[in-house]
Amino acid sequence: MFLFGFSLAIPFYLPSSMFALKRGGKDGSATIADAFDICGFGLLAVFNGIVARVLDVSGEVGSSSAGMLLGRKRAWLPVFLWMLGGSIAAMASLFGAVWLEGER
């Protein structure tokens, strides 16, 4: 668990902090970092709302346990689609940022 957290923190915090320092300097870097946080927490709130709705779904498609299981699986589909979309957007933005940085 420690290694997972340690390896996740470096790519999550370092690039955005370096960008904020480079663009904002000593006076404006906190504003840029706060804008990142507002966007991130806003998307997290939307995602948590989707997960909360899934957890509230009873999954009663039929009276059998197989019907309930199928309903629960279908209820989780939007969550996984959001995760997939976020992963694709993160990958595209990372490749775009690296490409733009290489163009300089």
N, C-alpha and C. Protein backbone atom coordinates (compact mmCIF):
# COMPACT_ATOMS: atom_id res chain seq x y z
N MET A 1 0.82 -1.18 0.00
CA MET A 1 0.00 0.00 0.00
C MET A 1 0.88 1.26 0.00
N PHE A 2 1.95 1.22 0.77
CA PHE A 2 2.85 2.37 0.82
C PHE A 2 3.46 2.65 -0.56
N LEU A 3 3.92 1.60 -1.23
CA LEU A 3 4.53 1.77 -2.55
C LEU A 3 3.52 2.32 -3.56
N PHE A 4 2.28 1.86 -3.49
CA PHE A 4 1.25 2.37 -4.39
C PHE A 4 1.04 3.87 -4.15
N GLY A 5 0.89 4.25 -2.89
CA GLY A 5 0.70 5.66 -2.57
C GLY A 5 1.90 6.51 -2.94
N PHE A 6 3.09 5.99 -2.71
CA PHE A 6 4.32 6.72 -3.03
C PHE A 6 4.46 6.90 -4.54
N SER A 7 4.14 5.87 -5.31
CA SER A 7 4.28 5.97 -6.77
C SER A 7 3.17 6.80 -7.39
N LEU A 8 2.03 6.90 -6.73
CA LEU A 8 0.92 7.69 -7.28
C LEU A 8 1.11 9.17 -7.02
N ALA A 9 1.71 9.53 -5.91
CA ALA A 9 1.83 10.94 -5.54
C ALA A 9 2.76 11.71 -6.47
N ILE A 10 3.81 11.09 -6.91
CA ILE A 10 4.79 11.81 -7.74
C ILE A 10 4.18 12.28 -9.06
N PRO A 11 3.55 11.42 -9.88
CA PRO A 11 2.98 11.95 -11.12
C PRO A 11 1.73 12.79 -10.90
N PHE A 12 1.08 12.66 -9.74
CA PHE A 12 -0.13 13.44 -9.50
C PHE A 12 0.19 14.86 -9.06
N TYR A 13 1.13 15.04 -8.17
CA TYR A 13 1.40 16.36 -7.60
C TYR A 13 2.52 17.11 -8.29
N LEU A 14 3.54 16.44 -8.76
CA LEU A 14 4.70 17.14 -9.29
C LEU A 14 4.44 17.92 -10.58
N PRO A 15 3.86 17.32 -11.63
CA PRO A 15 3.68 18.10 -12.86
C PRO A 15 2.80 19.33 -12.69
N SER A 16 1.70 19.19 -11.95
CA SER A 16 0.82 20.36 -11.77
C SER A 16 1.49 21.44 -10.92
N SER A 17 2.26 21.04 -9.94
CA SER A 17 2.97 22.02 -9.11
C SER A 17 4.05 22.73 -9.91
N MET A 18 4.78 21.98 -10.71
CA MET A 18 5.82 22.60 -11.53
C MET A 18 5.21 23.56 -12.55
N PHE A 19 4.08 23.17 -13.15
CA PHE A 19 3.40 24.05 -14.09
C PHE A 19 2.93 25.33 -13.39
N ALA A 20 2.33 25.17 -12.20
CA ALA A 20 1.84 26.33 -11.47
C ALA A 20 2.98 27.28 -11.11
N LEU A 21 4.11 26.75 -10.70
CA LEU A 21 5.25 27.59 -10.37
C LEU A 21 5.83 28.28 -11.60
N LYS A 22 5.86 27.56 -12.71
CA LYS A 22 6.43 28.12 -13.94
C LYS A 22 5.53 29.22 -14.51
N ARG A 23 4.23 29.00 -14.52
CA ARG A 23 3.30 29.97 -15.11
C ARG A 23 2.93 31.09 -14.15
N GLY A 24 2.76 30.76 -12.88
CA GLY A 24 2.30 31.76 -11.92
C GLY A 24 3.40 32.48 -11.18
N GLY A 25 4.56 31.90 -11.15
CA GLY A 25 5.66 32.50 -10.40
C GLY A 25 5.41 32.43 -8.90
N LYS A 26 6.11 33.28 -8.17
CA LYS A 26 5.96 33.26 -6.71
C LYS A 26 4.60 33.80 -6.28
N ASP A 27 4.03 34.71 -7.04
CA ASP A 27 2.80 35.37 -6.62
C ASP A 27 1.52 34.67 -7.07
N GLY A 28 1.53 34.00 -8.21
CA GLY A 28 0.29 33.45 -8.76
C GLY A 28 0.19 31.94 -8.78
N SER A 29 1.20 31.26 -8.25
CA SER A 29 1.17 29.80 -8.34
C SER A 29 0.06 29.19 -7.49
N ALA A 30 -0.27 29.80 -6.37
CA ALA A 30 -1.35 29.26 -5.52
C ALA A 30 -2.70 29.37 -6.23
N THR A 31 -2.91 30.42 -6.99
CA THR A 31 -4.17 30.58 -7.72
C THR A 31 -4.32 29.49 -8.76
N ILE A 32 -3.26 29.20 -9.47
CA ILE A 32 -3.31 28.14 -10.48
C ILE A 32 -3.52 26.78 -9.83
N ALA A 33 -2.83 26.52 -8.73
CA ALA A 33 -3.01 25.25 -8.02
C ALA A 33 -4.43 25.12 -7.48
N ASP A 34 -5.00 26.22 -6.99
CA ASP A 34 -6.38 26.19 -6.52
C ASP A 34 -7.37 25.94 -7.65
N ALA A 35 -7.09 26.47 -8.82
CA ALA A 35 -7.96 26.21 -9.97
C ALA A 35 -7.94 24.73 -10.33
N PHE A 36 -6.76 24.11 -10.26
CA PHE A 36 -6.67 22.66 -10.47
C PHE A 36 -7.53 21.91 -9.46
N ASP A 37 -7.43 22.32 -8.19
CA ASP A 37 -8.18 21.65 -7.13
C ASP A 37 -9.68 21.82 -7.31
N ILE A 38 -10.13 23.02 -7.67
CA ILE A 38 -11.56 23.25 -7.87
C ILE A 38 -12.10 22.36 -8.98
N CYS A 39 -11.38 22.28 -10.09
CA CYS A 39 -11.82 21.41 -11.19
C CYS A 39 -11.82 19.95 -10.77
N GLY A 40 -10.77 19.53 -10.11
CA GLY A 40 -10.67 18.14 -9.68
C GLY A 40 -11.74 17.76 -8.68
N PHE A 41 -11.97 18.60 -7.69
CA PHE A 41 -12.98 18.29 -6.68
C PHE A 41 -14.39 18.39 -7.25
N GLY A 42 -14.59 19.27 -8.23
CA GLY A 42 -15.89 19.34 -8.89
C GLY A 42 -16.21 18.06 -9.64
N LEU A 43 -15.24 17.56 -10.38
CA LEU A 43 -15.43 16.29 -11.07
C LEU A 43 -15.59 15.13 -10.09
N LEU A 44 -14.89 15.19 -8.98
CA LEU A 44 -15.02 14.15 -7.96
C LEU A 44 -16.43 14.16 -7.36
N ALA A 45 -17.00 15.33 -7.16
CA ALA A 45 -18.36 15.42 -6.62
C ALA A 45 -19.37 14.80 -7.59
N VAL A 46 -19.20 15.06 -8.88
CA VAL A 46 -20.09 14.46 -9.87
C VAL A 46 -19.93 12.95 -9.87
N PHE A 47 -18.69 12.49 -9.84
CA PHE A 47 -18.43 11.05 -9.84
C PHE A 47 -18.99 10.38 -8.59
N ASN A 48 -18.82 11.02 -7.43
CA ASN A 48 -19.37 10.46 -6.19
C ASN A 48 -20.89 10.40 -6.24
N GLY A 49 -21.52 11.36 -6.90
CA GLY A 49 -22.97 11.31 -7.05
C GLY A 49 -23.42 10.12 -7.88
N ILE A 50 -22.65 9.81 -8.91
CA ILE A 50 -22.98 8.65 -9.74
C ILE A 50 -22.82 7.37 -8.94
N VAL A 51 -21.74 7.27 -8.17
CA VAL A 51 -21.51 6.07 -7.35
C VAL A 51 -22.59 5.94 -6.29
N ALA A 52 -22.99 7.05 -5.68
CA ALA A 52 -24.03 7.00 -4.65
C ALA A 52 -25.35 6.51 -5.24
N ARG A 53 -25.67 6.93 -6.46
CA ARG A 53 -26.90 6.44 -7.10
C ARG A 53 -26.81 4.96 -7.38
N VAL A 54 -25.63 4.48 -7.76
CA VAL A 54 -25.47 3.05 -8.02
C VAL A 54 -25.65 2.26 -6.73
N LEU A 55 -25.09 2.76 -5.65
CA LEU A 55 -25.22 2.05 -4.38
C LEU A 55 -26.66 2.07 -3.87
N ASP A 56 -27.45 3.04 -4.33
CA ASP A 56 -28.85 3.13 -3.91
C ASP A 56 -29.76 2.22 -4.73
N VAL A 57 -29.28 1.79 -5.89
CA VAL A 57 -30.09 0.94 -6.76
C VAL A 57 -30.27 -0.42 -6.10
N SER A 58 -31.51 -0.87 -6.05
CA SER A 58 -31.76 -2.17 -5.43
C SER A 58 -31.41 -3.31 -6.39
N GLY A 59 -31.42 -3.04 -7.68
CA GLY A 59 -31.06 -4.06 -8.64
C GLY A 59 -32.13 -5.11 -8.86
N GLU A 60 -33.36 -4.79 -8.56
CA GLU A 60 -34.43 -5.76 -8.69
C GLU A 60 -35.00 -5.75 -10.11
N VAL A 61 -34.38 -6.52 -10.98
CA VAL A 61 -34.88 -6.69 -12.35
C VAL A 61 -35.91 -7.80 -12.36
N GLY A 62 -35.61 -8.85 -11.70
CA GLY A 62 -36.53 -9.98 -11.59
C GLY A 62 -36.57 -10.44 -10.15
N SER A 63 -37.35 -11.43 -9.89
CA SER A 63 -37.43 -11.89 -8.51
C SER A 63 -36.28 -12.83 -8.15
N SER A 64 -35.57 -13.32 -9.15
CA SER A 64 -34.48 -14.26 -8.87
C SER A 64 -33.20 -13.52 -8.51
N SER A 65 -32.29 -14.24 -7.90
CA SER A 65 -31.01 -13.63 -7.55
C SER A 65 -30.19 -13.32 -8.80
N ALA A 66 -30.40 -14.09 -9.87
CA ALA A 66 -29.69 -13.80 -11.12
C ALA A 66 -30.15 -12.47 -11.70
N GLY A 67 -31.43 -12.17 -11.58
CA GLY A 67 -31.95 -10.88 -12.06
C GLY A 67 -31.40 -9.72 -11.25
N MET A 68 -31.27 -9.90 -9.94
CA MET A 68 -30.70 -8.85 -9.10
C MET A 68 -29.24 -8.61 -9.44
N LEU A 69 -28.50 -9.68 -9.70
CA LEU A 69 -27.08 -9.56 -10.04
C LEU A 69 -26.92 -8.83 -11.37
N LEU A 70 -27.76 -9.15 -12.34
CA LEU A 70 -27.70 -8.49 -13.64
C LEU A 70 -28.03 -7.01 -13.50
N GLY A 71 -29.01 -6.68 -12.68
CA GLY A 71 -29.36 -5.27 -12.46
C GLY A 71 -28.24 -4.50 -11.81
N ARG A 72 -27.57 -5.11 -10.86
CA ARG A 72 -26.45 -4.43 -10.20
C ARG A 72 -25.28 -4.23 -11.15
N LYS A 73 -25.04 -5.21 -12.01
CA LYS A 73 -23.96 -5.06 -12.99
C LYS A 73 -24.26 -3.92 -13.96
N ARG A 74 -25.51 -3.84 -14.41
CA ARG A 74 -25.89 -2.74 -15.31
C ARG A 74 -25.82 -1.39 -14.62
N ALA A 75 -26.09 -1.37 -13.33
CA ALA A 75 -26.06 -0.11 -12.60
C ALA A 75 -24.63 0.45 -12.49
N TRP A 76 -23.63 -0.41 -12.49
CA TRP A 76 -22.24 0.03 -12.37
C TRP A 76 -21.66 0.48 -13.70
N LEU A 77 -22.33 0.25 -14.81
CA LEU A 77 -21.79 0.61 -16.12
C LEU A 77 -21.46 2.10 -16.25
N PRO A 78 -22.33 3.03 -15.81
CA PRO A 78 -21.95 4.44 -15.92
C PRO A 78 -20.69 4.80 -15.13
N VAL A 79 -20.49 4.15 -14.00
CA VAL A 79 -19.29 4.42 -13.20
C VAL A 79 -18.04 4.02 -13.99
N PHE A 80 -18.06 2.84 -14.57
CA PHE A 80 -16.90 2.39 -15.33
C PHE A 80 -16.70 3.22 -16.60
N LEU A 81 -17.78 3.69 -17.21
CA LEU A 81 -17.65 4.55 -18.38
C LEU A 81 -17.02 5.89 -18.00
N TRP A 82 -17.41 6.45 -16.86
CA TRP A 82 -16.78 7.68 -16.38
C TRP A 82 -15.30 7.47 -16.12
N MET A 83 -14.96 6.34 -15.51
CA MET A 83 -13.56 6.05 -15.24
C MET A 83 -12.78 5.88 -16.53
N LEU A 84 -13.35 5.20 -17.50
CA LEU A 84 -12.69 5.01 -18.78
C LEU A 84 -12.51 6.34 -19.50
N GLY A 85 -13.55 7.16 -19.51
CA GLY A 85 -13.45 8.47 -20.14
C GLY A 85 -12.41 9.36 -19.48
N GLY A 86 -12.37 9.34 -18.15
CA GLY A 86 -11.36 10.12 -17.45
C GLY A 86 -9.95 9.63 -17.72
N SER A 87 -9.79 8.32 -17.82
CA SER A 87 -8.46 7.77 -18.13
C SER A 87 -8.01 8.16 -19.53
N ILE A 88 -8.93 8.11 -20.47
CA ILE A 88 -8.59 8.49 -21.86
C ILE A 88 -8.27 9.98 -21.94
N ALA A 89 -9.06 10.81 -21.25
CA ALA A 89 -8.80 12.25 -21.25
C ALA A 89 -7.45 12.56 -20.59
N ALA A 90 -7.14 11.87 -19.49
CA ALA A 90 -5.85 12.08 -18.83
C ALA A 90 -4.69 11.67 -19.72
N MET A 91 -4.85 10.54 -20.40
CA MET A 91 -3.80 10.07 -21.29
C MET A 91 -3.60 11.05 -22.44
N ALA A 92 -4.68 11.52 -23.05
CA ALA A 92 -4.57 12.45 -24.17
C ALA A 92 -3.95 13.77 -23.73
N SER A 93 -4.36 14.27 -22.55
CA SER A 93 -3.80 15.54 -22.09
C SER A 93 -2.33 15.40 -21.72
N LEU A 94 -1.95 14.26 -21.16
CA LEU A 94 -0.53 14.05 -20.83
C LEU A 94 0.31 14.00 -22.10
N PHE A 95 -0.15 13.23 -23.11
CA PHE A 95 0.60 13.17 -24.36
C PHE A 95 0.65 14.54 -25.03
N GLY A 96 -0.46 15.28 -24.97
CA GLY A 96 -0.47 16.62 -25.56
C GLY A 96 0.48 17.54 -24.85
N ALA A 97 0.52 17.49 -23.53
CA ALA A 97 1.42 18.37 -22.77
C ALA A 97 2.88 18.04 -23.05
N VAL A 98 3.19 16.76 -23.12
CA VAL A 98 4.57 16.36 -23.41
C VAL A 98 4.96 16.77 -24.82
N TRP A 99 4.03 16.63 -25.76
CA TRP A 99 4.31 17.02 -27.15
C TRP A 99 4.51 18.53 -27.24
N LEU A 100 3.65 19.30 -26.58
CA LEU A 100 3.80 20.77 -26.63
C LEU A 100 5.09 21.22 -25.95
N GLU A 101 5.45 20.55 -24.88
CA GLU A 101 6.70 20.90 -24.19
C GLU A 101 7.91 20.60 -25.08
N GLY A 102 7.82 19.53 -25.86
CA GLY A 102 8.91 19.17 -26.78
C GLY A 102 9.02 20.13 -27.95
N GLU A 103 7.94 20.79 -28.31
CA GLU A 103 7.94 21.74 -29.42
C GLU A 103 8.68 23.03 -29.08
N ARG A 104 8.79 23.33 -27.80
CA ARG A 104 9.46 24.58 -27.40
C ARG A 104 10.90 24.51 -27.67
